[in-house]
N, C-alpha and C. Protein backbone atom coordinates (compact mmCIF):
# COMPACT_ATOMS: atom_id res chain seq x y z
N MET A 1 -20.16 22.10 -76.23
CA MET A 1 -19.47 22.06 -74.96
C MET A 1 -19.65 23.38 -74.22
N LYS A 2 -19.63 24.53 -75.00
CA LYS A 2 -19.81 25.83 -74.38
C LYS A 2 -21.17 25.94 -73.73
N ARG A 3 -22.19 25.38 -74.36
CA ARG A 3 -23.55 25.45 -73.81
C ARG A 3 -23.64 24.71 -72.49
N ASN A 4 -22.95 23.58 -72.38
CA ASN A 4 -23.00 22.79 -71.14
C ASN A 4 -22.31 23.51 -69.98
N LEU A 5 -21.33 24.33 -70.25
CA LEU A 5 -20.61 25.05 -69.21
C LEU A 5 -21.30 26.34 -68.81
N ILE A 6 -22.08 26.92 -69.67
CA ILE A 6 -22.73 28.20 -69.38
C ILE A 6 -23.75 28.05 -68.26
N SER A 7 -24.54 27.00 -68.25
CA SER A 7 -25.59 26.81 -67.25
C SER A 7 -25.03 26.70 -65.83
N PRO A 8 -24.01 25.87 -65.56
CA PRO A 8 -23.47 25.83 -64.19
C PRO A 8 -22.77 27.14 -63.82
N PHE A 9 -22.12 27.80 -64.78
CA PHE A 9 -21.43 29.06 -64.52
C PHE A 9 -22.42 30.14 -64.09
N VAL A 10 -23.54 30.23 -64.77
CA VAL A 10 -24.57 31.22 -64.44
C VAL A 10 -25.16 30.91 -63.07
N SER A 11 -25.36 29.64 -62.77
CA SER A 11 -25.90 29.24 -61.47
C SER A 11 -24.96 29.64 -60.34
N LEU A 12 -23.65 29.44 -60.52
CA LEU A 12 -22.68 29.80 -59.50
C LEU A 12 -22.65 31.31 -59.27
N ILE A 13 -22.72 32.08 -60.32
CA ILE A 13 -22.73 33.54 -60.19
C ILE A 13 -23.99 33.99 -59.46
N PHE A 14 -25.12 33.39 -59.80
CA PHE A 14 -26.38 33.73 -59.15
C PHE A 14 -26.31 33.43 -57.65
N LEU A 15 -25.77 32.26 -57.29
CA LEU A 15 -25.65 31.90 -55.87
C LEU A 15 -24.71 32.86 -55.13
N ALA A 16 -23.62 33.24 -55.75
CA ALA A 16 -22.67 34.14 -55.12
C ALA A 16 -23.29 35.50 -54.86
N VAL A 17 -24.04 36.01 -55.82
CA VAL A 17 -24.68 37.32 -55.67
C VAL A 17 -25.81 37.24 -54.66
N ALA A 18 -26.58 36.17 -54.70
CA ALA A 18 -27.73 36.04 -53.81
C ALA A 18 -27.30 35.83 -52.36
N SER A 19 -26.14 35.25 -52.13
CA SER A 19 -25.71 34.99 -50.76
C SER A 19 -25.07 36.20 -50.10
N CYS A 20 -24.76 37.23 -50.83
CA CYS A 20 -24.18 38.44 -50.25
C CYS A 20 -25.26 39.21 -49.53
N LYS A 21 -24.92 39.73 -48.36
CA LYS A 21 -25.85 40.52 -47.57
C LYS A 21 -25.28 41.92 -47.43
N GLU A 22 -26.18 42.85 -47.30
CA GLU A 22 -25.75 44.23 -47.11
C GLU A 22 -25.36 44.50 -45.67
N SER A 23 -25.95 43.76 -44.73
CA SER A 23 -25.65 44.01 -43.32
C SER A 23 -24.40 43.24 -42.90
N GLU A 24 -23.81 43.70 -41.81
CA GLU A 24 -22.62 43.06 -41.26
C GLU A 24 -23.02 41.71 -40.65
N PRO A 25 -22.12 40.75 -40.66
CA PRO A 25 -22.44 39.47 -40.01
C PRO A 25 -22.58 39.67 -38.49
N ILE A 26 -23.37 38.84 -37.88
CA ILE A 26 -23.59 38.92 -36.44
C ILE A 26 -22.31 38.47 -35.74
N ASP A 27 -21.91 39.26 -34.76
CA ASP A 27 -20.72 38.90 -33.98
C ASP A 27 -21.00 37.63 -33.18
N PRO A 28 -19.97 36.84 -32.94
CA PRO A 28 -20.18 35.65 -32.11
C PRO A 28 -20.61 36.07 -30.71
N THR A 29 -21.36 35.20 -30.06
CA THR A 29 -21.82 35.47 -28.71
C THR A 29 -20.62 35.57 -27.78
N PRO A 30 -20.57 36.60 -26.97
CA PRO A 30 -19.42 36.71 -26.05
C PRO A 30 -19.43 35.57 -25.04
N GLN A 31 -18.26 35.07 -24.73
CA GLN A 31 -18.12 33.97 -23.77
C GLN A 31 -18.22 34.52 -22.35
N PRO A 32 -18.82 33.76 -21.44
CA PRO A 32 -18.89 34.23 -20.05
C PRO A 32 -17.51 34.27 -19.42
N GLU A 33 -17.38 35.15 -18.46
CA GLU A 33 -16.12 35.25 -17.73
C GLU A 33 -15.90 33.96 -16.94
N PRO A 34 -14.67 33.50 -16.82
CA PRO A 34 -14.44 32.29 -16.01
C PRO A 34 -14.80 32.56 -14.55
N GLU A 35 -15.31 31.52 -13.89
CA GLU A 35 -15.67 31.67 -12.49
C GLU A 35 -14.39 31.73 -11.65
N PRO A 36 -14.45 32.52 -10.60
CA PRO A 36 -13.25 32.59 -9.75
C PRO A 36 -13.01 31.27 -9.05
N SER A 37 -11.76 30.99 -8.78
CA SER A 37 -11.41 29.77 -8.06
C SER A 37 -11.81 29.91 -6.60
N VAL A 38 -12.28 28.83 -6.04
CA VAL A 38 -12.66 28.82 -4.63
C VAL A 38 -11.78 27.80 -3.93
N SER A 39 -11.20 28.21 -2.83
CA SER A 39 -10.39 27.28 -2.05
C SER A 39 -10.83 27.37 -0.59
N TYR A 40 -10.45 26.38 0.18
CA TYR A 40 -10.92 26.26 1.56
C TYR A 40 -9.76 26.14 2.51
N VAL A 41 -9.97 26.60 3.72
CA VAL A 41 -8.97 26.44 4.77
C VAL A 41 -9.04 24.98 5.23
N CYS A 42 -7.91 24.33 5.27
CA CYS A 42 -7.87 22.92 5.62
C CYS A 42 -7.41 22.73 7.05
N PRO A 43 -7.80 21.61 7.67
CA PRO A 43 -7.46 21.39 9.07
C PRO A 43 -5.96 21.22 9.33
N LYS A 44 -5.24 20.66 8.38
CA LYS A 44 -3.80 20.44 8.58
C LYS A 44 -3.01 21.12 7.48
N LYS A 45 -1.89 21.69 7.87
CA LYS A 45 -1.00 22.30 6.89
C LYS A 45 -0.43 21.20 5.99
N GLY A 46 -0.38 21.45 4.70
CA GLY A 46 0.15 20.46 3.77
C GLY A 46 -0.93 19.63 3.10
N ASP A 47 -2.16 19.67 3.61
CA ASP A 47 -3.25 18.95 2.96
C ASP A 47 -3.57 19.58 1.61
N ILE A 48 -3.95 18.75 0.67
CA ILE A 48 -4.36 19.22 -0.65
C ILE A 48 -5.87 19.33 -0.71
N TYR A 49 -6.55 18.42 -0.02
CA TYR A 49 -8.01 18.35 -0.08
C TYR A 49 -8.63 18.56 1.29
N LYS A 50 -9.80 19.15 1.29
CA LYS A 50 -10.65 19.22 2.48
C LYS A 50 -11.81 18.28 2.22
N ILE A 51 -11.99 17.29 3.08
CA ILE A 51 -13.10 16.36 2.94
C ILE A 51 -14.33 17.00 3.59
N PHE A 52 -15.41 17.06 2.84
CA PHE A 52 -16.66 17.62 3.37
C PHE A 52 -17.78 16.63 3.16
N PRO A 53 -18.60 16.41 4.15
CA PRO A 53 -18.47 16.85 5.53
C PRO A 53 -17.50 15.96 6.30
N ASP A 54 -16.90 16.52 7.34
CA ASP A 54 -15.99 15.73 8.15
C ASP A 54 -16.52 15.51 9.57
N THR A 55 -17.68 16.11 9.85
CA THR A 55 -18.33 15.91 11.14
C THR A 55 -19.82 15.72 10.91
N PHE A 56 -20.36 14.65 11.50
CA PHE A 56 -21.78 14.34 11.41
C PHE A 56 -22.37 14.30 12.81
N LEU A 57 -23.61 14.71 12.93
CA LEU A 57 -24.37 14.53 14.16
C LEU A 57 -25.36 13.41 13.89
N VAL A 58 -25.52 12.50 14.85
CA VAL A 58 -26.35 11.31 14.63
C VAL A 58 -27.35 11.18 15.78
N ASN A 59 -28.60 10.83 15.43
CA ASN A 59 -29.57 10.37 16.42
C ASN A 59 -30.56 9.45 15.73
N GLU A 60 -31.63 9.10 16.42
CA GLU A 60 -32.58 8.13 15.88
C GLU A 60 -33.29 8.60 14.62
N THR A 61 -33.35 9.90 14.40
CA THR A 61 -34.07 10.42 13.22
C THR A 61 -33.19 10.51 11.98
N GLY A 62 -31.88 10.39 12.14
CA GLY A 62 -31.03 10.42 10.96
C GLY A 62 -29.66 11.01 11.21
N LEU A 63 -28.96 11.24 10.13
CA LEU A 63 -27.65 11.88 10.14
C LEU A 63 -27.87 13.36 9.84
N TYR A 64 -27.07 14.20 10.48
CA TYR A 64 -27.17 15.63 10.25
C TYR A 64 -25.78 16.19 10.00
N ILE A 65 -25.71 17.19 9.15
CA ILE A 65 -24.48 17.95 8.95
C ILE A 65 -24.82 19.42 9.10
N LYS A 66 -23.81 20.20 9.46
CA LYS A 66 -24.01 21.65 9.57
C LYS A 66 -23.46 22.32 8.32
N ILE A 67 -24.30 23.12 7.69
CA ILE A 67 -23.89 23.93 6.56
C ILE A 67 -24.29 25.37 6.88
N ASN A 68 -23.30 26.23 7.02
CA ASN A 68 -23.54 27.63 7.38
C ASN A 68 -24.42 27.75 8.63
N ASP A 69 -24.09 27.00 9.66
CA ASP A 69 -24.79 26.99 10.95
C ASP A 69 -26.24 26.51 10.86
N ASN A 70 -26.62 25.88 9.78
CA ASN A 70 -27.94 25.25 9.65
C ASN A 70 -27.77 23.74 9.60
N LEU A 71 -28.63 23.03 10.34
CA LEU A 71 -28.58 21.57 10.31
C LEU A 71 -29.29 21.07 9.06
N ARG A 72 -28.67 20.13 8.39
CA ARG A 72 -29.28 19.51 7.22
C ARG A 72 -29.35 18.01 7.46
N ARG A 73 -30.53 17.46 7.28
CA ARG A 73 -30.77 16.05 7.58
C ARG A 73 -30.42 15.16 6.40
N LEU A 74 -29.74 14.06 6.67
CA LEU A 74 -29.44 13.03 5.68
C LEU A 74 -29.99 11.73 6.23
N PRO A 75 -31.17 11.29 5.80
CA PRO A 75 -31.74 10.06 6.37
C PRO A 75 -30.86 8.85 6.09
N TYR A 76 -30.94 7.87 6.97
CA TYR A 76 -30.11 6.67 6.83
C TYR A 76 -30.34 5.96 5.50
N TYR A 77 -31.59 5.87 5.07
CA TYR A 77 -31.87 5.11 3.86
C TYR A 77 -31.34 5.78 2.60
N ASP A 78 -30.95 7.06 2.67
CA ASP A 78 -30.36 7.75 1.53
C ASP A 78 -28.83 7.76 1.58
N ALA A 79 -28.27 7.05 2.54
CA ALA A 79 -26.82 7.12 2.73
C ALA A 79 -26.05 6.66 1.50
N GLY A 80 -26.63 5.79 0.67
CA GLY A 80 -25.95 5.32 -0.53
C GLY A 80 -25.88 6.37 -1.62
N THR A 81 -26.75 7.37 -1.55
CA THR A 81 -26.74 8.42 -2.56
C THR A 81 -25.98 9.66 -2.11
N VAL A 82 -25.56 9.68 -0.86
CA VAL A 82 -24.82 10.80 -0.31
C VAL A 82 -23.34 10.49 -0.39
N SER A 83 -22.58 11.38 -1.02
CA SER A 83 -21.14 11.19 -1.14
C SER A 83 -20.39 12.32 -0.47
N PHE A 84 -19.18 12.04 -0.12
CA PHE A 84 -18.30 13.07 0.41
C PHE A 84 -17.83 13.94 -0.76
N ALA A 85 -17.48 15.18 -0.45
CA ALA A 85 -16.91 16.08 -1.46
C ALA A 85 -15.46 16.35 -1.09
N LEU A 86 -14.64 16.53 -2.10
CA LEU A 86 -13.25 16.91 -1.89
C LEU A 86 -13.08 18.34 -2.40
N PHE A 87 -12.84 19.25 -1.48
CA PHE A 87 -12.58 20.64 -1.83
C PHE A 87 -11.07 20.86 -1.85
N THR A 88 -10.62 21.81 -2.64
CA THR A 88 -9.20 22.10 -2.74
C THR A 88 -8.80 23.10 -1.66
N CYS A 89 -7.70 22.82 -1.00
CA CYS A 89 -7.19 23.69 0.06
C CYS A 89 -6.55 24.95 -0.53
N ASP A 90 -6.46 25.98 0.30
CA ASP A 90 -5.83 27.24 -0.12
C ASP A 90 -4.44 27.01 -0.68
N GLY A 91 -4.19 27.54 -1.86
CA GLY A 91 -2.87 27.48 -2.47
C GLY A 91 -2.47 26.12 -3.02
N LYS A 92 -3.40 25.20 -3.18
CA LYS A 92 -3.05 23.85 -3.61
C LYS A 92 -3.63 23.47 -4.98
N PHE A 93 -4.06 24.46 -5.76
CA PHE A 93 -4.66 24.14 -7.06
C PHE A 93 -3.68 23.44 -7.99
N ASN A 94 -2.44 23.87 -8.02
CA ASN A 94 -1.46 23.22 -8.90
C ASN A 94 -1.12 21.81 -8.42
N ASP A 95 -1.07 21.61 -7.11
CA ASP A 95 -0.80 20.28 -6.57
C ASP A 95 -1.94 19.32 -6.88
N ARG A 96 -3.16 19.83 -6.84
CA ARG A 96 -4.33 18.99 -7.09
C ARG A 96 -4.32 18.42 -8.50
N ASN A 97 -3.77 19.14 -9.45
CA ASN A 97 -3.81 18.72 -10.85
C ASN A 97 -2.74 17.72 -11.23
N LYS A 98 -1.90 17.32 -10.32
CA LYS A 98 -0.88 16.31 -10.61
C LYS A 98 -1.47 14.93 -10.42
N ALA A 99 -1.13 14.00 -11.30
CA ALA A 99 -1.68 12.64 -11.23
C ALA A 99 -1.33 11.96 -9.91
N ILE A 100 -0.17 12.24 -9.38
CA ILE A 100 0.27 11.61 -8.13
C ILE A 100 -0.63 12.02 -6.97
N ASN A 101 -1.37 13.14 -7.11
CA ASN A 101 -2.25 13.63 -6.06
C ASN A 101 -3.72 13.39 -6.35
N SER A 102 -4.03 12.51 -7.27
CA SER A 102 -5.42 12.19 -7.59
C SER A 102 -5.87 10.98 -6.77
N PRO A 103 -6.81 11.18 -5.85
CA PRO A 103 -7.24 10.04 -5.03
C PRO A 103 -8.11 9.07 -5.82
N LEU A 104 -7.68 7.83 -5.88
CA LEU A 104 -8.44 6.79 -6.57
C LEU A 104 -9.08 5.82 -5.60
N SER A 105 -8.66 5.87 -4.33
CA SER A 105 -9.26 4.99 -3.33
C SER A 105 -9.06 5.60 -1.95
N TRP A 106 -9.85 5.10 -1.02
CA TRP A 106 -9.77 5.52 0.38
C TRP A 106 -9.48 4.30 1.24
N GLU A 107 -8.57 4.44 2.17
CA GLU A 107 -8.32 3.40 3.15
C GLU A 107 -8.98 3.85 4.45
N ILE A 108 -9.80 3.00 5.04
CA ILE A 108 -10.62 3.38 6.18
C ILE A 108 -10.21 2.58 7.40
N LYS A 109 -10.07 3.28 8.53
CA LYS A 109 -9.76 2.61 9.79
C LYS A 109 -10.64 3.24 10.87
N LYS A 110 -11.46 2.41 11.51
CA LYS A 110 -12.28 2.88 12.62
C LYS A 110 -11.42 2.90 13.87
N GLN A 111 -11.73 3.82 14.78
CA GLN A 111 -10.92 3.95 16.00
C GLN A 111 -10.74 2.61 16.70
N ASN A 112 -9.52 2.33 17.07
CA ASN A 112 -9.14 1.12 17.84
C ASN A 112 -9.47 -0.18 17.12
N THR A 113 -9.50 -0.20 15.81
CA THR A 113 -9.73 -1.44 15.06
C THR A 113 -8.72 -1.54 13.93
N ALA A 114 -8.71 -2.68 13.31
CA ALA A 114 -7.82 -2.88 12.16
C ALA A 114 -8.35 -2.13 10.94
N THR A 115 -7.49 -1.90 9.99
CA THR A 115 -7.88 -1.23 8.75
C THR A 115 -8.84 -2.10 7.97
N ARG A 116 -9.90 -1.48 7.47
CA ARG A 116 -10.86 -2.20 6.64
C ARG A 116 -10.32 -2.28 5.22
N ASP A 117 -11.09 -2.93 4.36
CA ASP A 117 -10.70 -3.02 2.95
C ASP A 117 -10.61 -1.62 2.34
N THR A 118 -9.82 -1.52 1.31
CA THR A 118 -9.73 -0.26 0.56
C THR A 118 -11.00 -0.08 -0.25
N VAL A 119 -11.53 1.14 -0.23
CA VAL A 119 -12.76 1.46 -0.96
C VAL A 119 -12.36 2.29 -2.17
N TYR A 120 -12.75 1.85 -3.35
CA TYR A 120 -12.39 2.57 -4.57
C TYR A 120 -13.30 3.77 -4.75
N ALA A 121 -12.71 4.86 -5.19
CA ALA A 121 -13.39 6.15 -5.25
C ALA A 121 -13.94 6.42 -6.64
N ASN A 122 -15.00 7.21 -6.68
CA ASN A 122 -15.58 7.70 -7.92
C ASN A 122 -15.33 9.20 -7.94
N ALA A 123 -14.51 9.67 -8.86
CA ALA A 123 -14.11 11.08 -8.93
C ALA A 123 -13.47 11.54 -7.61
N GLY A 124 -12.76 10.63 -6.96
CA GLY A 124 -12.05 10.96 -5.74
C GLY A 124 -12.84 10.80 -4.47
N THR A 125 -14.14 10.59 -4.56
CA THR A 125 -14.97 10.51 -3.36
C THR A 125 -15.65 9.15 -3.26
N ILE A 126 -16.16 8.87 -2.06
CA ILE A 126 -16.90 7.63 -1.84
C ILE A 126 -18.27 7.95 -1.28
N ALA A 127 -19.17 6.99 -1.40
CA ALA A 127 -20.50 7.15 -0.82
C ALA A 127 -20.40 7.01 0.70
N LEU A 128 -21.29 7.68 1.39
CA LEU A 128 -21.30 7.66 2.85
C LEU A 128 -21.45 6.24 3.39
N ASN A 129 -22.28 5.42 2.74
CA ASN A 129 -22.49 4.06 3.26
C ASN A 129 -21.28 3.15 3.07
N LYS A 130 -20.26 3.57 2.35
CA LYS A 130 -19.02 2.81 2.26
C LYS A 130 -18.14 3.05 3.49
N LEU A 131 -18.35 4.20 4.13
CA LEU A 131 -17.60 4.52 5.34
C LEU A 131 -18.39 4.10 6.58
N LEU A 132 -19.63 4.55 6.67
CA LEU A 132 -20.47 4.29 7.83
C LEU A 132 -21.35 3.09 7.54
N LEU A 133 -20.98 1.96 8.12
CA LEU A 133 -21.74 0.73 7.90
C LEU A 133 -22.96 0.69 8.82
N THR A 134 -23.94 -0.14 8.49
CA THR A 134 -25.16 -0.25 9.28
C THR A 134 -24.86 -0.65 10.72
N LYS A 135 -23.91 -1.57 10.91
CA LYS A 135 -23.56 -1.98 12.27
C LYS A 135 -22.93 -0.83 13.06
N ASP A 136 -22.25 0.08 12.37
CA ASP A 136 -21.67 1.25 13.03
C ASP A 136 -22.77 2.21 13.47
N VAL A 137 -23.80 2.39 12.64
CA VAL A 137 -24.92 3.24 13.01
C VAL A 137 -25.60 2.68 14.24
N ASP A 138 -25.84 1.37 14.26
CA ASP A 138 -26.45 0.72 15.42
C ASP A 138 -25.62 0.95 16.68
N GLN A 139 -24.31 0.89 16.54
CA GLN A 139 -23.42 1.12 17.68
C GLN A 139 -23.50 2.57 18.15
N ILE A 140 -23.49 3.51 17.23
CA ILE A 140 -23.56 4.93 17.59
C ILE A 140 -24.86 5.24 18.33
N LEU A 141 -25.95 4.61 17.93
CA LEU A 141 -27.24 4.86 18.57
C LEU A 141 -27.29 4.38 20.01
N THR A 142 -26.31 3.58 20.44
CA THR A 142 -26.23 3.15 21.84
C THR A 142 -25.36 4.09 22.67
N PHE A 143 -24.73 5.09 22.05
CA PHE A 143 -23.84 6.01 22.76
C PHE A 143 -24.62 6.94 23.68
N LYS A 144 -23.87 7.53 24.63
CA LYS A 144 -24.40 8.61 25.46
C LYS A 144 -24.30 9.91 24.68
N ASP A 145 -25.09 10.88 25.08
CA ASP A 145 -25.11 12.17 24.38
C ASP A 145 -23.71 12.79 24.33
N GLY A 146 -23.26 13.15 23.13
CA GLY A 146 -21.95 13.77 22.94
C GLY A 146 -20.81 12.79 22.69
N GLU A 147 -21.06 11.50 22.83
CA GLU A 147 -20.02 10.50 22.58
C GLU A 147 -19.73 10.41 21.09
N LYS A 148 -18.47 10.12 20.74
CA LYS A 148 -18.03 10.18 19.34
C LYS A 148 -17.51 8.84 18.84
N MET A 149 -17.62 8.66 17.52
CA MET A 149 -16.95 7.58 16.81
C MET A 149 -16.16 8.24 15.68
N SER A 150 -14.88 7.91 15.60
CA SER A 150 -14.04 8.53 14.57
C SER A 150 -13.50 7.50 13.61
N TYR A 151 -13.32 7.94 12.39
CA TYR A 151 -12.71 7.12 11.35
C TYR A 151 -11.48 7.86 10.84
N GLU A 152 -10.39 7.15 10.71
CA GLU A 152 -9.21 7.69 10.05
C GLU A 152 -9.31 7.27 8.59
N VAL A 153 -9.24 8.21 7.69
CA VAL A 153 -9.28 7.89 6.26
C VAL A 153 -8.00 8.39 5.61
N ALA A 154 -7.48 7.58 4.72
CA ALA A 154 -6.29 7.96 3.96
C ALA A 154 -6.69 7.97 2.49
N LEU A 155 -6.42 9.08 1.82
CA LEU A 155 -6.66 9.17 0.38
C LEU A 155 -5.45 8.57 -0.32
N LEU A 156 -5.69 7.59 -1.19
CA LEU A 156 -4.60 6.87 -1.85
C LEU A 156 -4.57 7.19 -3.34
N ASN A 157 -3.37 7.26 -3.90
CA ASN A 157 -3.23 7.51 -5.34
C ASN A 157 -3.13 6.19 -6.10
N PHE A 158 -2.75 6.25 -7.37
CA PHE A 158 -2.69 5.05 -8.22
C PHE A 158 -1.65 4.04 -7.77
N ASN A 159 -0.64 4.47 -7.01
CA ASN A 159 0.37 3.56 -6.47
C ASN A 159 -0.01 3.03 -5.09
N GLN A 160 -1.20 3.39 -4.61
CA GLN A 160 -1.64 3.08 -3.26
C GLN A 160 -0.79 3.78 -2.21
N ASP A 161 -0.15 4.89 -2.59
CA ASP A 161 0.57 5.74 -1.65
C ASP A 161 -0.41 6.72 -1.04
N THR A 162 -0.20 7.07 0.21
CA THR A 162 -1.08 8.01 0.91
C THR A 162 -0.82 9.43 0.44
N ILE A 163 -1.86 10.08 -0.03
CA ILE A 163 -1.78 11.50 -0.40
C ILE A 163 -1.91 12.34 0.87
N GLN A 164 -2.91 12.01 1.68
CA GLN A 164 -3.12 12.68 2.96
C GLN A 164 -4.04 11.81 3.81
N ALA A 165 -4.04 12.06 5.11
CA ALA A 165 -4.91 11.35 6.04
C ALA A 165 -5.74 12.37 6.80
N ASN A 166 -7.01 12.03 7.02
CA ASN A 166 -7.93 12.90 7.74
C ASN A 166 -8.80 12.07 8.68
N THR A 167 -9.52 12.77 9.54
CA THR A 167 -10.44 12.13 10.48
C THR A 167 -11.85 12.57 10.15
N ILE A 168 -12.78 11.62 10.14
CA ILE A 168 -14.21 11.90 9.98
C ILE A 168 -14.88 11.44 11.25
N THR A 169 -15.68 12.32 11.85
CA THR A 169 -16.24 12.08 13.17
C THR A 169 -17.76 12.04 13.13
N PHE A 170 -18.33 11.09 13.87
CA PHE A 170 -19.77 10.96 14.05
C PHE A 170 -20.06 11.16 15.54
N ILE A 171 -20.90 12.14 15.86
CA ILE A 171 -21.20 12.50 17.25
C ILE A 171 -22.68 12.19 17.51
N TYR A 172 -22.95 11.44 18.58
CA TYR A 172 -24.33 11.15 18.93
C TYR A 172 -24.90 12.35 19.69
N LYS A 173 -26.02 12.88 19.22
CA LYS A 173 -26.74 13.98 19.87
C LYS A 173 -28.18 13.56 20.03
N LYS A 174 -28.61 13.41 21.28
CA LYS A 174 -29.96 12.94 21.53
C LYS A 174 -31.00 13.93 21.01
N ASP A 175 -30.80 15.21 21.29
CA ASP A 175 -31.75 16.24 20.86
C ASP A 175 -31.09 17.18 19.87
N LEU A 176 -31.68 17.29 18.71
CA LEU A 176 -31.18 18.23 17.70
C LEU A 176 -32.27 19.22 17.34
């Protein structure tokens, strides 16, 4: 019995000695510093979210938005892949994290018309083509230069209560 125990005992001692290193273990990789929070000035006091973009320029060549005073083109055929972004307003980070303030759907109303169906949101946002329908684009293209079409949108929570309401505007510009 002693002979059977000696072999595993010697093996364990050998492994313990062989696994010891003279150098210090490598320190774990330092974690990056957290990124600073970014918040945005919102159009109305009390808003939790800033919808971006909230103003579009439209003509025959496509949809345009302004980012840092530069025009960026969004062609009509890509409208299904373009989504709105929800930015957090100044001082509203704690409000944003409450379930009651999580937008799960958008209620859309075009100027001077009845409310359309509720559009369900993905991560709080919707695709552009859920708001701007093809018939609306055709109508905007008949406008005079500078004429606008506005949509009232309400962000709704899980109870279908309104979190906030905003306006998204499409302006026809013949020359861009």
